[in-house]
Amino acid sequence: MNIMIINGSPRKRGRTGIAARFIARTYNADLIDLSDGSLPLYTGEQEQADLQSVKSLKQKVKNADAVILASPEYHSGMSGALKNALDFLSSEQFAHKPVALLACAGGGKGGINCLNNLRIVARGVYANVIPKQLVLDPHCFDYDNDGLLEEPAKLVDDMIQELKVYVKAAEIVQKDAPAK
């Protein structure tokens, strides 16, 4: 099963990156790290489609069986870096693909608006966003080992297991769908 996680943080050493790397290592998931700055600002101009970074993003997401969108919450929404990346994508990459949502917040009641924002945009590209979603606060992280503490790691595992259920369901539906 090919799971792709997108680290939507523009920060090199942010908590979203820690969570994304932990998931990539733990679940053998492919990682797209937007903190590398390789994507230009989306303009909608046709010449951007020919850029290698854009082609690679589209191909990796299209080939994934499932995607995890991970973002810090910035001003009650997803990061601009993740929104920018999603603007390069469409239903061609996401239609009916199972997608899990993960927000990293500063604590308190943060994160839920980011998740709602992600859900709306994912719906716009026809992704199948799973019900289970997750917010990780600062106390969830094992900063010394670039990972998560035990309890938050279990919450991530629960989300991954649900994501896998949706991948298997999608495989069954696609197998039984009439040929085009």
N, C-alpha and C. Protein backbone atom coordinates (compact mmCIF):
# COMPACT_ATOMS: atom_id res chain seq x y z
N MET A 1 0.84 -1.17 0.00
CA MET A 1 0.00 0.00 0.00
C MET A 1 0.89 1.23 0.00
N ASN A 2 0.66 2.11 -0.95
CA ASN A 2 1.49 3.30 -1.13
C ASN A 2 0.81 4.50 -0.46
N ILE A 3 1.26 4.84 0.75
CA ILE A 3 0.73 6.00 1.47
C ILE A 3 1.71 7.15 1.29
N MET A 4 1.16 8.32 0.98
CA MET A 4 1.95 9.54 0.79
C MET A 4 1.57 10.52 1.88
N ILE A 5 2.57 11.10 2.55
CA ILE A 5 2.29 12.18 3.50
C ILE A 5 2.92 13.46 2.98
N ILE A 6 2.15 14.52 3.03
CA ILE A 6 2.64 15.82 2.61
C ILE A 6 2.84 16.68 3.85
N ASN A 7 4.09 17.05 4.11
CA ASN A 7 4.41 17.98 5.18
C ASN A 7 4.11 19.38 4.64
N GLY A 8 3.02 19.95 5.11
CA GLY A 8 2.58 21.25 4.61
C GLY A 8 3.19 22.44 5.32
N SER A 9 4.20 22.22 6.14
CA SER A 9 4.83 23.33 6.84
C SER A 9 5.97 23.91 6.01
N PRO A 10 6.06 25.23 5.96
CA PRO A 10 7.21 25.83 5.28
C PRO A 10 8.46 25.86 6.17
N ARG A 11 8.30 25.50 7.45
CA ARG A 11 9.41 25.54 8.40
C ARG A 11 10.26 24.28 8.32
N LYS A 12 11.55 24.44 8.34
CA LYS A 12 12.47 23.30 8.29
C LYS A 12 12.42 22.45 9.55
N ARG A 13 12.23 23.08 10.72
CA ARG A 13 12.28 22.34 11.98
C ARG A 13 10.98 22.43 12.76
N GLY A 14 9.86 22.56 12.09
CA GLY A 14 8.58 22.68 12.77
C GLY A 14 8.01 21.33 13.22
N ARG A 15 6.99 21.40 14.06
CA ARG A 15 6.35 20.19 14.58
C ARG A 15 5.66 19.38 13.47
N THR A 16 5.11 20.05 12.48
CA THR A 16 4.46 19.32 11.39
C THR A 16 5.47 18.45 10.66
N GLY A 17 6.67 18.96 10.49
CA GLY A 17 7.73 18.17 9.87
C GLY A 17 8.11 16.97 10.73
N ILE A 18 8.16 17.16 12.04
CA ILE A 18 8.46 16.04 12.95
C ILE A 18 7.40 14.96 12.78
N ALA A 19 6.12 15.36 12.80
CA ALA A 19 5.03 14.39 12.65
C ALA A 19 5.10 13.69 11.30
N ALA A 20 5.35 14.45 10.24
CA ALA A 20 5.41 13.86 8.90
C ALA A 20 6.56 12.86 8.78
N ARG A 21 7.72 13.22 9.30
CA ARG A 21 8.87 12.30 9.24
C ARG A 21 8.61 11.06 10.08
N PHE A 22 7.98 11.23 11.25
CA PHE A 22 7.64 10.08 12.10
C PHE A 22 6.71 9.13 11.34
N ILE A 23 5.70 9.66 10.71
CA ILE A 23 4.75 8.82 9.95
C ILE A 23 5.46 8.15 8.78
N ALA A 24 6.28 8.90 8.07
CA ALA A 24 7.00 8.31 6.93
C ALA A 24 7.89 7.15 7.38
N ARG A 25 8.61 7.34 8.49
CA ARG A 25 9.50 6.28 9.00
C ARG A 25 8.70 5.10 9.52
N THR A 26 7.69 5.36 10.31
CA THR A 26 6.95 4.31 11.01
C THR A 26 6.11 3.47 10.06
N TYR A 27 5.56 4.09 9.02
CA TYR A 27 4.62 3.39 8.14
C TYR A 27 5.16 3.24 6.72
N ASN A 28 6.44 3.46 6.55
CA ASN A 28 7.08 3.33 5.23
C ASN A 28 6.31 4.12 4.18
N ALA A 29 5.92 5.33 4.56
CA ALA A 29 5.17 6.20 3.66
C ALA A 29 6.14 7.10 2.90
N ASP A 30 5.74 7.47 1.71
CA ASP A 30 6.51 8.44 0.95
C ASP A 30 6.24 9.82 1.53
N LEU A 31 7.25 10.68 1.51
CA LEU A 31 7.13 12.01 2.10
C LEU A 31 7.38 13.08 1.05
N ILE A 32 6.44 13.99 0.94
CA ILE A 32 6.66 15.23 0.20
C ILE A 32 6.82 16.30 1.25
N ASP A 33 7.97 16.97 1.26
CA ASP A 33 8.28 17.96 2.28
C ASP A 33 8.29 19.34 1.63
N LEU A 34 7.23 20.10 1.87
CA LEU A 34 7.11 21.42 1.25
C LEU A 34 8.08 22.43 1.82
N SER A 35 8.74 22.10 2.94
CA SER A 35 9.73 23.04 3.49
C SER A 35 10.98 23.13 2.62
N ASP A 36 11.08 22.26 1.61
CA ASP A 36 12.25 22.34 0.73
C ASP A 36 12.14 23.52 -0.25
N GLY A 37 10.96 24.12 -0.35
CA GLY A 37 10.81 25.32 -1.17
C GLY A 37 10.89 25.09 -2.66
N SER A 38 10.73 23.87 -3.12
CA SER A 38 10.90 23.58 -4.54
C SER A 38 9.71 23.99 -5.41
N LEU A 39 8.54 24.19 -4.80
CA LEU A 39 7.38 24.60 -5.59
C LEU A 39 7.31 26.12 -5.69
N PRO A 40 7.08 26.63 -6.90
CA PRO A 40 6.90 28.08 -7.03
C PRO A 40 5.52 28.49 -6.53
N LEU A 41 5.29 29.76 -6.41
CA LEU A 41 3.98 30.27 -6.07
C LEU A 41 3.04 29.99 -7.24
N TYR A 42 1.92 29.34 -6.97
CA TYR A 42 0.98 28.97 -8.03
C TYR A 42 0.41 30.22 -8.69
N THR A 43 0.48 30.25 -10.00
CA THR A 43 -0.08 31.36 -10.76
C THR A 43 -1.17 30.92 -11.73
N GLY A 44 -1.23 29.63 -12.01
CA GLY A 44 -2.18 29.14 -12.99
C GLY A 44 -1.68 29.25 -14.42
N GLU A 45 -0.49 29.77 -14.58
CA GLU A 45 0.09 29.89 -15.93
C GLU A 45 0.52 28.52 -16.42
N GLN A 46 0.29 28.25 -17.69
CA GLN A 46 0.55 26.93 -18.28
C GLN A 46 2.01 26.50 -18.16
N GLU A 47 2.95 27.43 -18.23
CA GLU A 47 4.36 27.03 -18.19
C GLU A 47 4.74 26.39 -16.85
N GLN A 48 3.98 26.66 -15.80
CA GLN A 48 4.28 26.02 -14.52
C GLN A 48 4.07 24.51 -14.57
N ALA A 49 3.16 24.06 -15.40
CA ALA A 49 2.89 22.62 -15.52
C ALA A 49 4.11 21.86 -16.04
N ASP A 50 5.01 22.55 -16.70
CA ASP A 50 6.21 21.91 -17.26
C ASP A 50 7.38 21.85 -16.28
N LEU A 51 7.25 22.49 -15.13
CA LEU A 51 8.33 22.47 -14.14
C LEU A 51 8.45 21.08 -13.52
N GLN A 52 9.68 20.62 -13.32
CA GLN A 52 9.92 19.29 -12.77
C GLN A 52 9.30 19.13 -11.39
N SER A 53 9.39 20.16 -10.55
CA SER A 53 8.82 20.05 -9.20
C SER A 53 7.31 19.87 -9.24
N VAL A 54 6.65 20.49 -10.18
CA VAL A 54 5.20 20.37 -10.32
C VAL A 54 4.84 19.00 -10.90
N LYS A 55 5.56 18.58 -11.91
CA LYS A 55 5.32 17.25 -12.49
C LYS A 55 5.50 16.15 -11.45
N SER A 56 6.56 16.28 -10.65
CA SER A 56 6.85 15.29 -9.62
C SER A 56 5.74 15.25 -8.57
N LEU A 57 5.30 16.41 -8.11
CA LEU A 57 4.22 16.48 -7.13
C LEU A 57 2.97 15.79 -7.67
N LYS A 58 2.59 16.12 -8.88
CA LYS A 58 1.37 15.53 -9.47
C LYS A 58 1.50 14.02 -9.60
N GLN A 59 2.65 13.56 -10.07
CA GLN A 59 2.84 12.11 -10.27
C GLN A 59 2.83 11.35 -8.96
N LYS A 60 3.53 11.89 -7.96
CA LYS A 60 3.59 11.20 -6.66
C LYS A 60 2.22 11.10 -6.02
N VAL A 61 1.44 12.15 -6.06
CA VAL A 61 0.11 12.12 -5.46
C VAL A 61 -0.80 11.20 -6.26
N LYS A 62 -0.71 11.26 -7.57
CA LYS A 62 -1.56 10.40 -8.40
C LYS A 62 -1.26 8.92 -8.15
N ASN A 63 0.01 8.57 -7.96
CA ASN A 63 0.41 7.18 -7.77
C ASN A 63 0.11 6.65 -6.36
N ALA A 64 -0.13 7.54 -5.43
CA ALA A 64 -0.38 7.11 -4.05
C ALA A 64 -1.76 6.45 -3.93
N ASP A 65 -1.84 5.43 -3.08
CA ASP A 65 -3.12 4.81 -2.77
C ASP A 65 -3.90 5.66 -1.77
N ALA A 66 -3.19 6.41 -0.96
CA ALA A 66 -3.79 7.28 0.04
C ALA A 66 -2.82 8.42 0.33
N VAL A 67 -3.37 9.54 0.81
CA VAL A 67 -2.57 10.71 1.11
C VAL A 67 -2.94 11.21 2.51
N ILE A 68 -1.92 11.64 3.24
CA ILE A 68 -2.12 12.33 4.51
C ILE A 68 -1.68 13.77 4.29
N LEU A 69 -2.58 14.69 4.56
CA LEU A 69 -2.26 16.11 4.47
C LEU A 69 -1.98 16.60 5.89
N ALA A 70 -0.77 17.07 6.12
CA ALA A 70 -0.35 17.54 7.44
C ALA A 70 -0.01 19.02 7.35
N SER A 71 -0.58 19.80 8.27
CA SER A 71 -0.35 21.24 8.22
C SER A 71 -0.33 21.83 9.62
N PRO A 72 0.50 22.86 9.82
CA PRO A 72 0.34 23.66 11.02
C PRO A 72 -0.92 24.52 10.83
N GLU A 73 -1.51 24.97 11.93
CA GLU A 73 -2.62 25.91 11.81
C GLU A 73 -2.06 27.31 11.85
N TYR A 74 -2.28 28.04 10.77
CA TYR A 74 -1.86 29.44 10.68
C TYR A 74 -3.11 30.29 10.51
N HIS A 75 -3.39 31.16 11.45
CA HIS A 75 -4.53 32.08 11.37
C HIS A 75 -5.82 31.35 11.03
N SER A 76 -6.07 30.27 11.75
CA SER A 76 -7.31 29.48 11.62
C SER A 76 -7.45 28.77 10.28
N GLY A 77 -6.34 28.44 9.65
CA GLY A 77 -6.40 27.70 8.39
C GLY A 77 -5.13 26.90 8.17
N MET A 78 -5.08 26.23 7.03
CA MET A 78 -3.87 25.49 6.67
C MET A 78 -2.76 26.46 6.30
N SER A 79 -1.55 25.96 6.21
CA SER A 79 -0.43 26.80 5.81
C SER A 79 -0.57 27.23 4.36
N GLY A 80 -0.01 28.37 4.05
CA GLY A 80 0.00 28.82 2.66
C GLY A 80 0.79 27.88 1.77
N ALA A 81 1.83 27.25 2.33
CA ALA A 81 2.64 26.31 1.54
C ALA A 81 1.80 25.12 1.09
N LEU A 82 0.96 24.59 1.98
CA LEU A 82 0.13 23.44 1.60
C LEU A 82 -0.97 23.87 0.64
N LYS A 83 -1.60 25.01 0.90
CA LYS A 83 -2.64 25.48 -0.04
C LYS A 83 -2.03 25.70 -1.41
N ASN A 84 -0.84 26.26 -1.46
CA ASN A 84 -0.16 26.47 -2.73
C ASN A 84 0.06 25.14 -3.46
N ALA A 85 0.53 24.13 -2.74
CA ALA A 85 0.76 22.81 -3.36
C ALA A 85 -0.56 22.22 -3.86
N LEU A 86 -1.61 22.33 -3.06
CA LEU A 86 -2.90 21.78 -3.47
C LEU A 86 -3.47 22.50 -4.69
N ASP A 87 -3.11 23.78 -4.86
CA ASP A 87 -3.57 24.50 -6.04
C ASP A 87 -2.97 23.95 -7.33
N PHE A 88 -1.84 23.29 -7.25
CA PHE A 88 -1.25 22.65 -8.43
C PHE A 88 -1.94 21.33 -8.75
N LEU A 89 -2.72 20.80 -7.82
CA LEU A 89 -3.33 19.48 -7.97
C LEU A 89 -4.81 19.61 -8.29
N SER A 90 -5.43 18.48 -8.66
CA SER A 90 -6.84 18.50 -9.04
C SER A 90 -7.45 17.13 -8.82
N SER A 91 -8.65 16.98 -9.31
CA SER A 91 -9.32 15.68 -9.21
C SER A 91 -8.56 14.61 -10.00
N GLU A 92 -7.74 15.01 -10.94
CA GLU A 92 -6.93 14.03 -11.69
C GLU A 92 -6.03 13.24 -10.74
N GLN A 93 -5.56 13.88 -9.68
CA GLN A 93 -4.71 13.21 -8.71
C GLN A 93 -5.51 12.67 -7.52
N PHE A 94 -6.61 13.32 -7.18
CA PHE A 94 -7.29 13.03 -5.92
C PHE A 94 -8.64 12.32 -6.02
N ALA A 95 -9.26 12.25 -7.17
CA ALA A 95 -10.64 11.75 -7.24
C ALA A 95 -10.79 10.41 -6.52
N HIS A 96 -11.62 10.39 -5.51
CA HIS A 96 -11.98 9.20 -4.72
C HIS A 96 -10.83 8.62 -3.91
N LYS A 97 -9.69 9.30 -3.89
CA LYS A 97 -8.53 8.82 -3.14
C LYS A 97 -8.76 9.06 -1.65
N PRO A 98 -8.55 8.04 -0.80
CA PRO A 98 -8.66 8.25 0.64
C PRO A 98 -7.58 9.22 1.14
N VAL A 99 -8.04 10.19 1.94
CA VAL A 99 -7.15 11.23 2.46
C VAL A 99 -7.41 11.38 3.96
N ALA A 100 -6.32 11.43 4.73
CA ALA A 100 -6.40 11.70 6.17
C ALA A 100 -5.86 13.10 6.43
N LEU A 101 -6.39 13.73 7.47
CA LEU A 101 -6.00 15.10 7.81
C LEU A 101 -5.35 15.16 9.19
N LEU A 102 -4.25 15.90 9.26
CA LEU A 102 -3.49 16.06 10.50
C LEU A 102 -3.11 17.53 10.64
N ALA A 103 -3.45 18.11 11.78
CA ALA A 103 -3.06 19.50 12.06
C ALA A 103 -2.13 19.52 13.26
N CYS A 104 -1.15 20.38 13.21
CA CYS A 104 -0.28 20.62 14.36
C CYS A 104 -0.57 22.03 14.84
N ALA A 105 -0.91 22.12 16.12
CA ALA A 105 -1.36 23.39 16.67
C ALA A 105 -0.47 23.80 17.83
N GLY A 106 -0.66 25.03 18.24
CA GLY A 106 0.11 25.57 19.33
C GLY A 106 -0.43 25.23 20.71
N GLY A 107 -1.57 24.56 20.75
CA GLY A 107 -2.16 24.18 22.04
C GLY A 107 -3.54 24.78 22.20
N GLY A 108 -4.20 24.43 23.29
CA GLY A 108 -5.53 24.95 23.53
C GLY A 108 -6.53 24.39 22.54
N LYS A 109 -7.26 25.29 21.90
CA LYS A 109 -8.30 24.86 20.97
C LYS A 109 -7.86 24.96 19.51
N GLY A 110 -6.57 25.06 19.27
CA GLY A 110 -6.07 25.20 17.91
C GLY A 110 -6.20 23.92 17.12
N GLY A 111 -6.15 24.05 15.82
CA GLY A 111 -6.11 22.90 14.93
C GLY A 111 -7.41 22.60 14.22
N ILE A 112 -8.55 22.78 14.87
CA ILE A 112 -9.81 22.36 14.27
C ILE A 112 -10.15 23.20 13.04
N ASN A 113 -9.84 24.48 13.07
CA ASN A 113 -10.13 25.30 11.90
C ASN A 113 -9.25 24.90 10.72
N CYS A 114 -8.01 24.53 11.01
CA CYS A 114 -7.13 24.02 9.96
C CYS A 114 -7.72 22.76 9.34
N LEU A 115 -8.19 21.85 10.19
CA LEU A 115 -8.79 20.61 9.69
C LEU A 115 -10.02 20.90 8.84
N ASN A 116 -10.86 21.83 9.28
CA ASN A 116 -12.04 22.19 8.50
C ASN A 116 -11.64 22.79 7.16
N ASN A 117 -10.63 23.65 7.17
CA ASN A 117 -10.12 24.26 5.95
C ASN A 117 -9.58 23.20 5.00
N LEU A 118 -8.81 22.26 5.54
CA LEU A 118 -8.27 21.16 4.72
C LEU A 118 -9.40 20.32 4.12
N ARG A 119 -10.42 20.03 4.92
CA ARG A 119 -11.54 19.21 4.47
C ARG A 119 -12.27 19.88 3.30
N ILE A 120 -12.47 21.19 3.41
CA ILE A 120 -13.16 21.92 2.34
C ILE A 120 -12.35 21.87 1.04
N VAL A 121 -11.06 22.14 1.13
CA VAL A 121 -10.22 22.15 -0.08
C VAL A 121 -10.10 20.74 -0.66
N ALA A 122 -9.96 19.73 0.20
CA ALA A 122 -9.87 18.35 -0.28
C ALA A 122 -11.17 17.95 -1.00
N ARG A 123 -12.29 18.41 -0.47
CA ARG A 123 -13.56 18.13 -1.14
C ARG A 123 -13.57 18.77 -2.53
N GLY A 124 -12.92 19.93 -2.67
CA GLY A 124 -12.86 20.63 -3.95
C GLY A 124 -12.08 19.88 -5.02
N VAL A 125 -11.20 18.96 -4.62
CA VAL A 125 -10.46 18.15 -5.59
C VAL A 125 -10.98 16.70 -5.60
N TYR A 126 -12.17 16.49 -5.03
CA TYR A 126 -12.88 15.21 -5.04
C TYR A 126 -12.18 14.11 -4.25
N ALA A 127 -11.38 14.50 -3.26
CA ALA A 127 -10.75 13.51 -2.39
C ALA A 127 -11.80 12.90 -1.47
N ASN A 128 -11.54 11.68 -1.03
CA ASN A 128 -12.41 11.00 -0.07
C ASN A 128 -11.76 11.13 1.31
N VAL A 129 -12.07 12.25 1.99
CA VAL A 129 -11.47 12.51 3.29
C VAL A 129 -12.13 11.61 4.32
N ILE A 130 -11.32 10.87 5.04
CA ILE A 130 -11.85 9.93 6.03
C ILE A 130 -12.35 10.70 7.26
N PRO A 131 -13.26 10.10 8.02
CA PRO A 131 -13.80 10.79 9.20
C PRO A 131 -12.76 11.07 10.29
N LYS A 132 -11.87 10.12 10.55
CA LYS A 132 -10.89 10.31 11.63
C LYS A 132 -9.87 11.35 11.21
N GLN A 133 -9.70 12.34 12.08
CA GLN A 133 -8.72 13.40 11.86
C GLN A 133 -8.02 13.66 13.18
N LEU A 134 -6.90 14.37 13.13
CA LEU A 134 -6.08 14.45 14.32
C LEU A 134 -5.43 15.82 14.46
N VAL A 135 -5.41 16.31 15.70
CA VAL A 135 -4.66 17.52 16.05
C VAL A 135 -3.57 17.11 17.02
N LEU A 136 -2.35 17.51 16.75
CA LEU A 136 -1.23 17.27 17.66
C LEU A 136 -0.78 18.60 18.24
N ASP A 137 -0.77 18.68 19.57
CA ASP A 137 -0.32 19.88 20.28
C ASP A 137 1.14 19.72 20.68
N PRO A 138 1.78 20.79 21.14
CA PRO A 138 3.22 20.72 21.46
C PRO A 138 3.61 19.62 22.43
N HIS A 139 2.75 19.25 23.37
CA HIS A 139 3.11 18.22 24.35
C HIS A 139 3.11 16.80 23.76
N CYS A 140 2.73 16.64 22.50
CA CYS A 140 2.65 15.32 21.85
C CYS A 140 3.99 14.85 21.28
N PHE A 141 4.98 15.71 21.26
CA PHE A 141 6.20 15.44 20.50
C PHE A 141 7.37 15.01 21.37
N ASP A 142 8.16 14.09 20.81
CA ASP A 142 9.44 13.69 21.39
C ASP A 142 10.49 14.44 20.57
N TYR A 143 10.78 15.65 21.00
CA TYR A 143 11.66 16.54 20.23
C TYR A 143 13.07 15.99 20.11
N ASP A 144 13.55 15.30 21.13
CA ASP A 144 14.92 14.78 21.12
C ASP A 144 15.10 13.68 20.07
N ASN A 145 14.04 12.95 19.78
CA ASN A 145 14.14 11.83 18.84
C ASN A 145 13.37 12.06 17.55
N ASP A 146 12.98 13.32 17.27
CA ASP A 146 12.29 13.66 16.03
C ASP A 146 11.07 12.75 15.82
N GLY A 147 10.25 12.64 16.88
CA GLY A 147 9.11 11.74 16.79
C GLY A 147 7.97 12.16 17.68
N LEU A 148 7.11 11.20 17.96
CA LEU A 148 5.94 11.43 18.80
C LEU A 148 6.05 10.61 20.08
N LEU A 149 5.41 11.08 21.11
CA LEU A 149 5.32 10.31 22.34
C LEU A 149 4.34 9.15 22.15
N GLU A 150 4.29 8.25 23.10
CA GLU A 150 3.53 7.00 22.94
C GLU A 150 2.03 7.21 22.69
N GLU A 151 1.39 8.01 23.48
CA GLU A 151 -0.06 8.20 23.33
C GLU A 151 -0.42 8.87 21.99
N PRO A 152 0.23 9.96 21.61
CA PRO A 152 -0.06 10.54 20.29
C PRO A 152 0.30 9.58 19.15
N ALA A 153 1.35 8.79 19.31
CA ALA A 153 1.71 7.80 18.28
C ALA A 153 0.58 6.80 18.10
N LYS A 154 -0.09 6.44 19.19
CA LYS A 154 -1.24 5.53 19.12
C LYS A 154 -2.39 6.19 18.37
N LEU A 155 -2.61 7.47 18.60
CA LEU A 155 -3.67 8.19 17.88
C LEU A 155 -3.36 8.23 16.38
N VAL A 156 -2.10 8.44 16.03
CA VAL A 156 -1.69 8.41 14.62
C VAL A 156 -1.94 7.02 14.06
N ASP A 157 -1.59 5.99 14.81
CA ASP A 157 -1.80 4.62 14.33
C ASP A 157 -3.29 4.36 14.08
N ASP A 158 -4.15 4.82 14.96
CA ASP A 158 -5.59 4.66 14.76
C ASP A 158 -6.02 5.33 13.45
N MET A 159 -5.50 6.51 13.18
CA MET A 159 -5.83 7.21 11.94
C MET A 159 -5.32 6.44 10.72
N ILE A 160 -4.11 5.94 10.80
CA ILE A 160 -3.53 5.17 9.69
C ILE A 160 -4.34 3.90 9.44
N GLN A 161 -4.76 3.23 10.49
CA GLN A 161 -5.55 2.01 10.33
C GLN A 161 -6.88 2.32 9.65
N GLU A 162 -7.52 3.42 10.02
CA GLU A 162 -8.77 3.81 9.36
C GLU A 162 -8.50 4.16 7.90
N LEU A 163 -7.40 4.85 7.64
CA LEU A 163 -7.05 5.20 6.27
C LEU A 163 -6.89 3.94 5.43
N LYS A 164 -6.26 2.91 5.99
CA LYS A 164 -6.07 1.65 5.28
C LYS A 164 -7.41 0.97 4.98
N VAL A 165 -8.37 1.09 5.88
CA VAL A 165 -9.70 0.53 5.63
C VAL A 165 -10.32 1.19 4.40
N TYR A 166 -10.17 2.50 4.31
CA TYR A 166 -10.73 3.22 3.16
C TYR A 166 -9.99 2.88 1.87
N VAL A 167 -8.70 2.63 1.95
CA VAL A 167 -7.95 2.21 0.76
C VAL A 167 -8.48 0.85 0.27
N LYS A 168 -8.67 -0.08 1.19
CA LYS A 168 -9.19 -1.40 0.81
C LYS A 168 -10.59 -1.28 0.23
N ALA A 169 -11.43 -0.43 0.80
CA ALA A 169 -12.78 -0.22 0.27
C ALA A 169 -12.72 0.37 -1.13
N ALA A 170 -11.82 1.31 -1.35
CA ALA A 170 -11.66 1.91 -2.68
C ALA A 170 -11.20 0.87 -3.70
N GLU A 171 -10.32 -0.02 -3.29
CA GLU A 171 -9.86 -1.09 -4.19
C GLU A 171 -11.01 -1.99 -4.59
N ILE A 172 -11.88 -2.33 -3.65
CA ILE A 172 -13.04 -3.18 -3.95
C ILE A 172 -13.99 -2.48 -4.91
N VAL A 173 -14.27 -1.21 -4.65
CA VAL A 173 -15.17 -0.45 -5.51
C VAL A 173 -14.59 -0.33 -6.92
N GLN A 174 -13.31 -0.04 -7.02
CA GLN A 174 -12.68 0.10 -8.35
C GLN A 174 -12.67 -1.22 -9.10
N LYS A 175 -12.46 -2.32 -8.36
CA LYS A 175 -12.44 -3.65 -9.00
C LYS A 175 -13.82 -3.99 -9.56
N ASP A 176 -14.87 -3.61 -8.83
CA ASP A 176 -16.22 -3.94 -9.24
C ASP A 176 -16.84 -2.90 -10.17
N ALA A 177 -16.16 -1.79 -10.40
CA ALA A 177 -16.71 -0.74 -11.27
C ALA A 177 -16.70 -1.21 -12.72
N PRO A 178 -17.69 -0.78 -13.48
CA PRO A 178 -17.70 -1.15 -14.90
C PRO A 178 -16.52 -0.54 -15.64
N ALA A 179 -16.02 -1.25 -16.62
CA ALA A 179 -14.88 -0.76 -17.41
C ALA A 179 -15.30 0.45 -18.22
N LYS A 180 -14.36 1.38 -18.37
CA LYS A 180 -14.65 2.60 -19.13
C LYS A 180 -14.25 2.44 -20.58
